[in-house]
Amino acid sequence: MDMWHALPKVDLHVHLDGSLRPDTAMAIAAAEGIELPTAVEADLIPYMQVDDDCRSLPEYLSKFDFTTRFLQSGAALERVAYETMEQAAAHNCRYMEVRFAPQLHRRGGLHAEEAIHYVIEGLKRAERQFDIQGRAIAICMRNHDRKDNLEVIEAAAKYAGRGLAAVDLAGNEAAYPPELFRDVFALAHKRGLPVTIHAGEAAGAENVYEAVKHLGASRIGHGVRLRENPDILRLVLEQRIPLELCPVSNIQTKAVSDWDVYPIRDYFEQGLLITLNTDNPSVSGTDITREYRIAAEKFGFQGRELAAIVRNGAGAAFLENAGKQALMKRIDGELAALGL
């Protein structure tokens, strides 16, 4: 076992529909009568996973048109949530937050509340069987209308404190800037729901500012373009807003053009609260151990620095205070046992 695998880890940014395994897609297709483009499991991978030639975020997101077809029943949502946690636990991930857009899982007749219920059931089943804790994050989609997104907030509020940790905004950031969603997230705050927002990924630092100042985000998904505006970077630093960095997918989507200019080392040295996450393990062909290995091999992060990033993740978890303190204590103990 290498050092990166041995680290206890936290994954705060992982999408359910980016975590579907090919074998699971085949099993769900057989159970639900979904037509497949091939009967060979390995031949499904190009439909579900990007390769090194991925040219843009829209190309990357096109894979989800395929994967969401298999996530339209309660049984499928529960299974994939369970397997997402199972795979993370195999990499010594102690806590993860699995996000998904309830409105994308309604083609089979589910309501938004039911979609949330089944995902949480899968997380709970995994908690009983593996050494990992999990929470759900409900996503509002930028291309959905106001009514649908308000419905997500109300559905999420019913599960607050019962397996659901927060709400999010995702989708085409460049086409749908965050200021369009102020009233949606005003309702989230009225309902007492923590907020994380995808920002500074496919558009500039000004979206991070809007997400923090007007949508009330207490974490930022990605934020790799934050450095484009030093004043906004300083705001995020001063307010101790954690960034959910996802290195492998950020390179694949061309949010950052190349590893040579990926900002993780710069952000870390400036004191930003960076966290390492997988985003979409199946679509990106990654896992949480790989993300830590890349940080070490490409950016020279040493053991104690990686341990600091793990601690950032535990501290940024959307957990109630007692649960967060227990997680942080556990992470500290395991890191200490590794001499970190």
Protein backbone atom coordinates (compact mmCIF):
# COMPACT_ATOMS: atom_id res chain seq x y z
CA MET A 1 0.00 0.00 0.00
CA ASP A 2 1.48 3.39 -0.99
CA MET A 3 1.41 6.48 1.20
CA TRP A 4 -1.34 8.13 -0.80
CA HIS A 5 -3.62 5.14 -0.41
CA ALA A 6 -2.87 4.91 3.31
CA LEU A 7 -3.97 8.48 4.00
CA PRO A 8 -7.42 8.84 5.54
CA LYS A 9 -9.33 11.03 3.12
CA VAL A 10 -12.39 13.18 2.60
CA ASP A 11 -14.17 13.70 -0.74
CA LEU A 12 -16.51 16.69 -0.69
CA HIS A 13 -17.21 16.97 -4.42
CA VAL A 14 -18.38 13.84 -6.21
CA HIS A 15 -21.33 13.55 -8.58
CA LEU A 16 -23.59 10.52 -8.45
CA ASP A 17 -24.13 10.40 -12.21
CA GLY A 18 -20.37 10.61 -12.71
CA SER A 19 -19.82 7.53 -10.54
CA LEU A 20 -21.79 4.88 -12.45
CA ARG A 21 -19.72 1.77 -13.19
CA PRO A 22 -20.01 -0.04 -16.56
CA ASP A 23 -20.97 -3.33 -14.91
CA THR A 24 -23.69 -1.55 -12.95
CA ALA A 25 -25.00 0.12 -16.10
CA MET A 26 -25.32 -3.32 -17.68
CA ALA A 27 -27.11 -4.73 -14.65
CA ILE A 28 -29.55 -1.82 -14.49
CA ALA A 29 -30.15 -2.05 -18.24
CA ALA A 30 -30.99 -5.75 -17.91
CA ALA A 31 -33.32 -5.16 -14.97
CA GLU A 32 -35.12 -2.17 -16.48
CA GLY A 33 -35.12 -2.99 -20.17
CA ILE A 34 -32.78 -0.19 -21.23
CA GLU A 35 -31.24 -0.66 -24.67
CA LEU A 36 -27.43 -0.65 -24.72
CA PRO A 37 -25.14 0.25 -27.64
CA THR A 38 -23.06 -2.88 -26.96
CA ALA A 39 -23.31 -6.14 -25.06
CA VAL A 40 -19.65 -6.01 -24.04
CA GLU A 41 -18.93 -4.30 -20.72
CA ALA A 42 -15.53 -2.93 -21.74
CA ASP A 43 -17.06 -1.42 -24.88
CA LEU A 44 -19.34 0.75 -22.73
CA ILE A 45 -16.40 2.71 -21.34
CA PRO A 46 -16.09 5.18 -24.26
CA TYR A 47 -19.74 6.12 -23.75
CA MET A 48 -19.16 6.82 -20.05
CA GLN A 49 -15.59 8.04 -19.70
CA VAL A 50 -13.58 10.80 -21.36
CA ASP A 51 -10.13 10.17 -22.73
CA ASP A 52 -7.02 12.34 -22.86
CA ASP A 53 -8.33 14.09 -25.96
CA CYS A 54 -11.32 15.69 -24.21
CA ARG A 55 -11.45 19.24 -25.58
CA SER A 56 -14.00 21.12 -23.46
CA LEU A 57 -16.49 21.14 -20.62
CA PRO A 58 -19.47 20.59 -23.00
CA GLU A 59 -17.74 17.51 -24.43
CA TYR A 60 -17.08 16.27 -20.91
CA LEU A 61 -20.67 16.88 -19.84
CA SER A 62 -21.99 14.95 -22.84
CA LYS A 63 -21.08 11.71 -21.03
CA PHE A 64 -23.83 12.43 -18.52
CA ASP A 65 -26.46 12.23 -21.26
CA PHE A 66 -25.59 8.54 -21.30
CA THR A 67 -25.12 7.84 -17.59
CA THR A 68 -28.33 9.51 -16.39
CA ARG A 69 -30.37 7.07 -18.49
CA PHE A 70 -29.54 4.41 -15.92
CA LEU A 71 -30.49 6.50 -12.88
CA GLN A 72 -34.24 6.83 -13.25
CA SER A 73 -35.53 4.42 -10.62
CA GLY A 74 -35.31 4.28 -6.86
CA ALA A 75 -33.43 0.97 -6.99
CA ALA A 76 -30.84 2.38 -9.39
CA LEU A 77 -30.28 5.55 -7.35
CA GLU A 78 -29.92 3.56 -4.14
CA ARG A 79 -27.49 1.10 -5.74
CA VAL A 80 -25.21 3.69 -7.32
CA ALA A 81 -25.13 5.80 -4.14
CA TYR A 82 -24.11 2.69 -2.23
CA GLU A 83 -21.44 1.75 -4.77
CA THR A 84 -20.06 5.29 -4.84
CA MET A 85 -19.43 5.05 -1.11
CA GLU A 86 -18.12 1.49 -1.42
CA GLN A 87 -15.51 2.54 -3.97
CA ALA A 88 -14.42 5.52 -1.86
CA ALA A 89 -14.14 3.40 1.29
CA ALA A 90 -11.71 1.12 -0.56
CA HIS A 91 -9.41 4.15 -0.81
CA ASN A 92 -9.59 4.95 2.92
CA CYS A 93 -12.06 7.77 2.36
CA ARG A 94 -13.66 8.35 5.75
CA TYR A 95 -16.31 10.88 4.72
CA MET A 96 -17.85 11.93 1.42
CA GLU A 97 -20.63 14.13 0.13
CA VAL A 98 -22.42 12.80 -2.94
CA ARG A 99 -24.20 15.38 -5.04
CA PHE A 100 -26.90 14.94 -7.65
CA ALA A 101 -29.69 16.89 -9.33
CA PRO A 102 -33.05 15.39 -8.29
CA GLN A 103 -34.82 16.81 -11.35
CA LEU A 104 -32.54 14.78 -13.65
CA HIS A 105 -33.81 11.50 -12.20
CA ARG A 106 -37.55 11.82 -12.77
CA ARG A 107 -38.07 10.21 -16.19
CA GLY A 108 -39.34 7.06 -14.52
CA GLY A 109 -41.93 8.93 -12.49
CA LEU A 110 -40.01 9.72 -9.31
CA HIS A 111 -40.62 13.01 -7.53
CA ALA A 112 -37.68 15.14 -6.38
CA GLU A 113 -38.25 14.10 -2.76
CA GLU A 114 -38.24 10.44 -3.72
CA ALA A 115 -34.96 10.80 -5.62
CA ILE A 116 -33.37 12.32 -2.53
CA HIS A 117 -34.80 9.57 -0.35
CA TYR A 118 -33.32 6.74 -2.43
CA VAL A 119 -29.89 8.33 -2.67
CA ILE A 120 -29.80 8.79 1.10
CA GLU A 121 -30.89 5.17 1.59
CA GLY A 122 -27.92 4.04 -0.51
CA LEU A 123 -25.53 6.17 1.52
CA LYS A 124 -26.94 4.81 4.76
CA ARG A 125 -26.62 1.22 3.59
CA ALA A 126 -22.98 1.84 2.71
CA GLU A 127 -22.36 3.42 6.12
CA ARG A 128 -23.59 0.23 7.76
CA GLN A 129 -21.25 -1.97 5.74
CA PHE A 130 -18.11 0.12 5.25
CA ASP A 131 -15.91 2.38 7.33
CA ILE A 132 -17.21 5.62 5.83
CA GLN A 133 -19.78 8.35 6.49
CA GLY A 134 -21.80 9.94 3.71
CA ARG A 135 -24.14 12.84 3.11
CA ALA A 136 -26.10 13.97 0.07
CA ILE A 137 -26.04 17.36 -1.66
CA ALA A 138 -29.01 18.29 -3.86
CA ILE A 139 -28.14 20.22 -7.02
CA CYS A 140 -30.14 22.94 -8.72
CA MET A 141 -29.36 23.03 -12.43
CA ARG A 142 -28.52 26.27 -14.21
CA ASN A 143 -30.55 25.33 -17.30
CA HIS A 144 -33.67 24.47 -15.28
CA ASP A 145 -36.44 26.95 -14.69
CA ARG A 146 -37.03 28.73 -11.41
CA LYS A 147 -39.97 26.54 -10.45
CA ASP A 148 -37.96 23.32 -10.76
CA ASN A 149 -35.08 24.70 -8.73
CA LEU A 150 -37.32 26.03 -5.98
CA GLU A 151 -38.88 22.57 -5.84
CA VAL A 152 -35.41 21.08 -5.28
CA ILE A 153 -34.77 23.47 -2.38
CA GLU A 154 -38.08 22.58 -0.72
CA ALA A 155 -37.48 18.85 -1.22
CA ALA A 156 -33.95 19.15 0.16
CA ALA A 157 -35.20 21.02 3.23
CA LYS A 158 -37.34 18.03 4.18
CA TYR A 159 -34.19 15.89 4.46
CA ALA A 160 -31.99 18.45 6.18
CA GLY A 161 -30.34 16.75 9.13
CA ARG A 162 -31.59 13.37 7.87
CA GLY A 163 -28.83 12.56 5.42
CA LEU A 164 -28.86 15.69 3.28
CA ALA A 165 -26.07 18.18 3.96
CA ALA A 166 -26.43 21.09 1.53
CA VAL A 167 -27.59 22.37 -1.85
CA ASP A 168 -25.56 23.29 -4.91
CA LEU A 169 -25.79 25.00 -8.31
CA ALA A 170 -24.25 23.24 -11.32
CA GLY A 171 -24.40 23.19 -15.10
CA ASN A 172 -23.25 25.56 -17.83
CA GLU A 173 -21.63 28.30 -15.76
CA ALA A 174 -20.67 30.48 -18.72
CA ALA A 175 -24.22 30.59 -20.12
CA TYR A 176 -26.07 30.90 -16.79
CA PRO A 177 -24.23 33.20 -14.35
CA PRO A 178 -24.99 32.83 -10.64
CA GLU A 179 -26.84 36.15 -10.28
CA LEU A 180 -29.79 34.53 -12.08
CA PHE A 181 -30.33 32.30 -9.04
CA ARG A 182 -30.33 34.73 -6.13
CA ASP A 183 -33.94 34.06 -5.18
CA VAL A 184 -33.46 30.28 -5.36
CA PHE A 185 -30.63 30.38 -2.85
CA ALA A 186 -32.36 32.99 -0.73
CA LEU A 187 -34.94 30.26 -0.16
CA ALA A 188 -32.16 27.81 0.69
CA HIS A 189 -30.92 30.12 3.43
CA LYS A 190 -34.47 30.68 4.65
CA ARG A 191 -34.77 26.91 5.00
CA GLY A 192 -31.44 26.70 6.83
CA LEU A 193 -29.60 24.80 4.10
CA PRO A 194 -25.84 25.27 3.64
CA VAL A 195 -24.78 26.23 0.13
CA THR A 196 -21.89 25.28 -2.17
CA ILE A 197 -21.77 26.67 -5.71
CA HIS A 198 -19.92 25.54 -8.83
CA ALA A 199 -18.04 28.74 -9.73
CA GLY A 200 -14.77 29.86 -11.24
CA GLU A 201 -14.57 26.73 -13.37
CA ALA A 202 -15.97 27.54 -16.83
CA ALA A 203 -16.18 31.27 -16.12
CA GLY A 204 -14.16 33.84 -14.23
CA ALA A 205 -13.52 34.93 -10.66
CA GLU A 206 -16.49 37.31 -10.68
CA ASN A 207 -18.75 34.27 -10.45
CA VAL A 208 -16.99 33.24 -7.25
CA TYR A 209 -17.66 36.72 -5.85
CA GLU A 210 -21.35 36.49 -6.76
CA ALA A 211 -21.61 32.99 -5.30
CA VAL A 212 -20.13 34.09 -1.98
CA LYS A 213 -21.64 37.56 -1.62
CA HIS A 214 -25.11 37.10 -3.05
CA LEU A 215 -25.82 33.36 -3.10
CA GLY A 216 -24.29 32.83 0.33
CA ALA A 217 -21.92 30.03 -0.64
CA SER A 218 -19.82 28.78 2.26
CA ARG A 219 -17.80 26.57 -0.13
CA ILE A 220 -16.89 26.89 -3.81
CA GLY A 221 -16.91 24.02 -6.27
CA HIS A 222 -13.65 24.22 -8.24
CA GLY A 223 -12.68 27.91 -8.14
CA VAL A 224 -9.63 27.33 -10.34
CA ARG A 225 -10.12 30.70 -12.06
CA LEU A 226 -10.23 32.57 -8.77
CA ARG A 227 -6.65 33.73 -9.33
CA GLU A 228 -7.81 35.92 -12.24
CA ASN A 229 -8.88 38.55 -9.71
CA PRO A 230 -6.53 39.12 -6.72
CA ASP A 231 -9.18 41.12 -4.84
CA ILE A 232 -11.70 38.28 -5.02
CA LEU A 233 -9.01 35.77 -4.10
CA ARG A 234 -8.23 37.89 -1.04
CA LEU A 235 -11.94 37.92 -0.10
CA VAL A 236 -12.10 34.11 -0.29
CA LEU A 237 -8.90 33.86 1.74
CA GLU A 238 -10.09 36.27 4.43
CA GLN A 239 -13.51 34.63 4.72
CA ARG A 240 -11.92 31.17 4.86
CA ILE A 241 -14.10 29.82 2.05
CA PRO A 242 -12.92 26.28 1.17
CA LEU A 243 -12.30 25.42 -2.48
CA GLU A 244 -13.35 22.00 -3.76
CA LEU A 245 -10.54 21.34 -6.24
CA CYS A 246 -10.87 18.38 -8.62
CA PRO A 247 -7.54 18.27 -10.48
CA VAL A 248 -8.12 15.45 -12.95
CA SER A 249 -11.49 16.71 -14.16
CA ASN A 250 -10.30 20.34 -14.20
CA ILE A 251 -7.66 19.38 -16.75
CA GLN A 252 -10.05 17.20 -18.75
CA THR A 253 -12.70 19.93 -19.01
CA LYS A 254 -10.04 22.52 -19.90
CA ALA A 255 -11.00 24.64 -16.92
CA VAL A 256 -7.20 24.74 -16.68
CA SER A 257 -5.24 24.28 -19.89
CA ASP A 258 -2.36 22.19 -18.56
CA TRP A 259 -0.79 20.79 -15.41
CA ASP A 260 1.98 23.39 -15.66
CA VAL A 261 -0.50 26.16 -14.84
CA TYR A 262 -2.80 24.32 -12.44
CA PRO A 263 -3.08 26.63 -9.40
CA ILE A 264 -3.12 24.14 -6.52
CA ARG A 265 0.40 24.86 -5.25
CA ASP A 266 -0.06 28.61 -5.56
CA TYR A 267 -3.40 28.48 -3.73
CA PHE A 268 -1.95 26.31 -0.98
CA GLU A 269 1.01 28.59 -0.40
CA GLN A 270 -1.23 31.65 -0.28
CA GLY A 271 -3.17 30.00 2.54
CA LEU A 272 -6.42 29.23 0.76
CA LEU A 273 -8.39 26.34 2.21
CA ILE A 274 -8.01 23.86 -0.64
CA THR A 275 -9.53 20.40 -0.62
CA LEU A 276 -8.92 17.50 -3.02
CA ASN A 277 -11.87 15.70 -4.59
CA THR A 278 -12.76 13.34 -7.45
CA ASP A 279 -15.71 15.12 -9.11
CA ASN A 280 -16.68 12.18 -11.36
CA PRO A 281 -14.71 9.00 -10.67
CA SER A 282 -16.14 6.98 -13.57
CA VAL A 283 -16.35 9.76 -16.17
CA SER A 284 -12.83 10.97 -15.34
CA GLY A 285 -11.32 7.54 -14.71
CA THR A 286 -10.05 8.66 -11.32
CA ASP A 287 -10.27 7.93 -7.62
CA ILE A 288 -9.39 9.87 -4.49
CA THR A 289 -6.02 8.13 -4.10
CA ARG A 290 -5.07 9.16 -7.63
CA GLU A 291 -5.92 12.80 -6.88
CA TYR A 292 -3.54 12.78 -3.90
CA ARG A 293 -0.85 10.99 -5.88
CA ILE A 294 -1.04 13.63 -8.61
CA ALA A 295 -0.73 16.40 -6.02
CA ALA A 296 2.45 14.76 -4.76
CA GLU A 297 4.00 13.82 -8.08
CA LYS A 298 3.13 16.89 -10.16
CA PHE A 299 3.25 19.61 -7.51
CA GLY A 300 5.71 18.28 -4.95
CA PHE A 301 3.29 18.07 -2.03
CA GLN A 302 4.92 16.31 0.88
CA GLY A 303 3.20 14.10 3.45
CA ARG A 304 2.52 16.85 5.98
CA GLU A 305 1.15 19.13 3.27
CA LEU A 306 -1.18 16.40 2.03
CA ALA A 307 -2.25 15.82 5.63
CA ALA A 308 -3.10 19.53 5.89
CA ILE A 309 -5.31 19.19 2.79
CA VAL A 310 -7.06 16.19 4.34
CA ARG A 311 -7.67 18.22 7.49
CA ASN A 312 -9.06 21.07 5.36
CA GLY A 313 -11.57 18.61 3.91
CA ALA A 314 -12.69 17.39 7.32
CA GLY A 315 -13.02 20.95 8.56
CA ALA A 316 -15.06 21.96 5.50
CA ALA A 317 -17.54 19.06 5.77
CA PHE A 318 -21.20 20.01 5.88
CA LEU A 319 -21.75 18.21 9.17
CA GLU A 320 -23.39 19.33 12.37
CA ASN A 321 -20.83 20.53 14.89
CA ALA A 322 -20.60 17.34 16.97
CA GLY A 323 -20.27 15.18 13.86
CA LYS A 324 -17.62 17.44 12.39
CA GLN A 325 -15.61 17.45 15.61
CA ALA A 326 -15.74 13.65 15.72
CA LEU A 327 -14.61 13.40 12.09
CA MET A 328 -11.76 15.84 12.63
CA LYS A 329 -10.65 13.98 15.75
CA ARG A 330 -10.64 10.69 13.86
CA ILE A 331 -8.72 12.14 10.92
CA ASP A 332 -6.19 13.73 13.27
CA GLY A 333 -5.67 10.42 15.05
CA GLU A 334 -5.14 8.46 11.84
CA LEU A 335 -2.79 11.05 10.41
CA ALA A 336 -0.82 11.10 13.67
CA ALA A 337 -0.49 7.32 13.46
CA LEU A 338 1.12 7.82 10.04
CA GLY A 339 3.51 10.39 11.52
CA LEU A 340 1.64 13.26 9.92
